[in-house]
Amino acid sequence: MKYNQLKMVVVAIGVLISSGCSGKHLITSGDNTRLLEGCSPLPNCVSSTAWVFYNKTDDFNLLIPLEVAWPRIKEVVSNIPRTAIVESDDFYIHAKCTSLVFRFVDNLELLIHPDENTISVRSSSTIAIFDLGVNRWRIHKLRTLLEEMKIISRK
């Protein structure tokens, strides 16, 4: 009897963990304010809105006007190997990034805050609990590319 209960708890936790990381994480409030969710306290996500220190990264700070920066940012994201933009508008990008060997799919999201001239970023695994630093590397690589293009800067 106890074995079955333990098995059910493990399955429930697995479903919660895997479903909590899948899909887009864009929140729209009643006043149409949009923001990206942070990360659960698992080491498979990096976000500029995270509250846990090992999930936290900095926002991107725009150096050039939004109208010029956003098309270039979309182009850079779409040129990341094995990455496809699945949704985008004038302020939001949601892309799916597929790993080379095991074909795991991660979410990459960017959200512009025009009033602050910043971009929130989030990269998260859809099923893995440990990502071996892939999401942090992806955000770092994207930040480096955009800094080299003089589109963003560090704080």
Protein backbone atom coordinates (compact mmCIF):
# COMPACT_ATOMS: atom_id res chain seq x y z
CA MET A 1 0.00 0.00 0.00
CA LYS A 2 2.73 2.52 0.93
CA TYR A 3 4.63 1.70 -2.28
CA ASN A 4 1.60 2.69 -4.40
CA GLN A 5 1.20 5.97 -2.51
CA LEU A 6 4.87 6.78 -2.99
CA LYS A 7 4.59 5.94 -6.68
CA MET A 8 1.58 8.26 -7.05
CA VAL A 9 3.41 11.11 -5.31
CA VAL A 10 6.46 10.68 -7.56
CA VAL A 11 4.27 10.69 -10.69
CA ALA A 12 2.38 13.78 -9.48
CA ILE A 13 5.62 15.66 -8.81
CA GLY A 14 6.94 14.66 -12.24
CA VAL A 15 3.81 15.95 -13.95
CA LEU A 16 3.97 19.23 -12.03
CA ILE A 17 7.63 19.74 -12.83
CA SER A 18 7.34 18.98 -16.53
CA SER A 19 4.10 20.87 -17.11
CA GLY A 20 5.30 23.89 -15.16
CA CYS A 21 8.16 24.47 -17.60
CA SER A 22 6.41 23.89 -20.91
CA GLY A 23 4.92 26.50 -23.21
CA LYS A 24 5.16 30.24 -23.06
CA HIS A 25 5.41 32.13 -19.79
CA LEU A 26 3.95 35.51 -20.73
CA ILE A 27 1.63 37.01 -18.14
CA THR A 28 -0.86 39.71 -19.11
CA SER A 29 -2.51 41.52 -16.20
CA GLY A 30 -5.92 43.20 -16.17
CA ASP A 31 -4.44 46.55 -17.22
CA ASN A 32 -2.69 44.86 -20.21
CA THR A 33 0.72 45.04 -18.54
CA ARG A 34 2.82 42.14 -19.80
CA LEU A 35 5.70 40.43 -18.06
CA LEU A 36 7.58 37.15 -18.17
CA GLU A 37 7.22 34.64 -15.38
CA GLY A 38 10.24 33.95 -13.25
CA CYS A 39 11.54 30.41 -12.82
CA SER A 40 10.58 27.66 -10.44
CA PRO A 41 13.45 26.89 -8.05
CA LEU A 42 14.77 24.17 -10.38
CA PRO A 43 18.15 24.51 -12.11
CA ASN A 44 16.65 24.29 -15.62
CA CYS A 45 15.69 27.90 -16.22
CA VAL A 46 17.27 31.35 -16.43
CA SER A 47 15.20 34.52 -16.31
CA SER A 48 15.66 38.22 -15.70
CA THR A 49 12.49 38.07 -13.57
CA ALA A 50 13.59 35.11 -11.42
CA TRP A 51 13.86 35.51 -7.66
CA VAL A 52 16.21 32.58 -7.00
CA PHE A 53 19.85 33.66 -7.42
CA TYR A 54 20.95 30.69 -9.55
CA ASN A 55 18.07 31.30 -11.99
CA LYS A 56 18.63 35.07 -12.20
CA THR A 57 20.15 37.02 -15.08
CA ASP A 58 20.09 40.71 -15.98
CA ASP A 59 17.66 42.40 -18.35
CA PHE A 60 18.99 43.52 -21.72
CA ASN A 61 19.34 47.33 -21.93
CA LEU A 62 18.63 48.80 -25.36
CA LEU A 63 21.23 51.16 -26.85
CA ILE A 64 19.32 51.99 -30.03
CA PRO A 65 15.67 52.85 -30.72
CA LEU A 66 13.20 50.01 -30.33
CA GLU A 67 12.02 50.28 -33.95
CA VAL A 68 15.56 49.58 -35.17
CA ALA A 69 16.53 47.07 -32.46
CA TRP A 70 13.55 44.71 -32.50
CA PRO A 71 13.83 43.49 -36.14
CA ARG A 72 17.56 42.89 -35.61
CA ILE A 73 16.91 40.98 -32.39
CA LYS A 74 14.32 38.80 -34.15
CA GLU A 75 16.87 38.07 -36.88
CA VAL A 76 19.56 37.12 -34.35
CA VAL A 77 17.15 34.81 -32.48
CA SER A 78 16.00 33.14 -35.70
CA ASN A 79 19.65 32.53 -36.67
CA ILE A 80 20.48 30.64 -33.47
CA PRO A 81 21.08 27.03 -34.61
CA ARG A 82 18.04 24.75 -34.30
CA THR A 83 15.82 27.65 -33.17
CA ALA A 84 12.44 28.59 -34.58
CA ILE A 85 10.33 31.58 -33.60
CA VAL A 86 6.85 30.24 -32.92
CA GLU A 87 5.23 33.51 -31.87
CA SER A 88 6.22 37.16 -32.11
CA ASP A 89 4.72 40.62 -32.14
CA ASP A 90 5.98 44.16 -31.64
CA PHE A 91 7.01 43.45 -28.03
CA TYR A 92 7.33 39.67 -27.54
CA ILE A 93 9.26 36.73 -29.03
CA HIS A 94 8.70 33.09 -28.14
CA ALA A 95 11.13 30.66 -29.78
CA LYS A 96 11.68 26.91 -29.47
CA CYS A 97 15.31 25.72 -29.33
CA THR A 98 16.04 22.05 -30.05
CA SER A 99 19.17 20.33 -28.73
CA LEU A 100 21.47 18.70 -31.25
CA VAL A 101 21.78 15.16 -29.90
CA PHE A 102 18.73 14.27 -27.82
CA ARG A 103 16.32 16.72 -29.51
CA PHE A 104 15.15 18.27 -26.22
CA VAL A 105 13.11 21.43 -26.74
CA ASP A 106 13.69 24.59 -24.68
CA ASN A 107 11.71 27.83 -24.64
CA LEU A 108 13.40 31.16 -25.29
CA GLU A 109 11.35 34.28 -24.60
CA LEU A 110 12.05 38.00 -24.88
CA LEU A 111 9.70 40.81 -23.84
CA ILE A 112 10.35 44.50 -24.45
CA HIS A 113 9.48 47.11 -21.84
CA PRO A 114 9.42 50.30 -23.96
CA ASP A 115 9.03 52.69 -21.01
CA GLU A 116 12.18 51.29 -19.37
CA ASN A 117 14.08 50.65 -22.62
CA THR A 118 14.82 47.08 -21.44
CA ILE A 119 14.12 43.53 -22.55
CA SER A 120 13.20 40.75 -20.12
CA VAL A 121 14.62 37.36 -21.10
CA ARG A 122 13.79 33.80 -20.16
CA SER A 123 15.20 30.46 -21.32
CA SER A 124 13.88 27.23 -19.85
CA SER A 125 13.85 23.50 -20.41
CA THR A 126 10.48 21.96 -21.15
CA ILE A 127 11.09 18.57 -19.51
CA ALA A 128 14.56 18.31 -17.95
CA ILE A 129 15.16 19.15 -14.30
CA PHE A 130 18.88 19.75 -14.92
CA ASP A 131 19.92 21.48 -18.12
CA LEU A 132 23.71 21.33 -17.64
CA GLY A 133 23.87 25.12 -18.00
CA VAL A 134 22.44 25.20 -21.54
CA ASN A 135 19.83 27.87 -20.81
CA ARG A 136 22.32 30.15 -19.05
CA TRP A 137 24.76 29.66 -21.96
CA ARG A 138 21.99 30.49 -24.48
CA ILE A 139 21.17 33.79 -22.73
CA HIS A 140 24.89 34.60 -22.39
CA LYS A 141 25.50 33.89 -26.09
CA LEU A 142 22.49 35.98 -27.14
CA ARG A 143 23.62 38.84 -24.88
CA THR A 144 27.15 38.68 -26.32
CA LEU A 145 25.90 38.73 -29.94
CA LEU A 146 23.60 41.69 -29.29
CA GLU A 147 26.33 43.58 -27.41
CA GLU A 148 28.76 43.04 -30.31
CA MET A 149 26.11 44.46 -32.67
CA LYS A 150 25.76 47.50 -30.34
CA ILE A 151 22.04 46.78 -29.83
CA ILE A 152 22.16 46.24 -26.06
CA SER A 153 24.51 46.95 -23.17
CA ARG A 154 25.08 45.75 -19.65
CA LYS A 155 23.79 47.88 -16.81
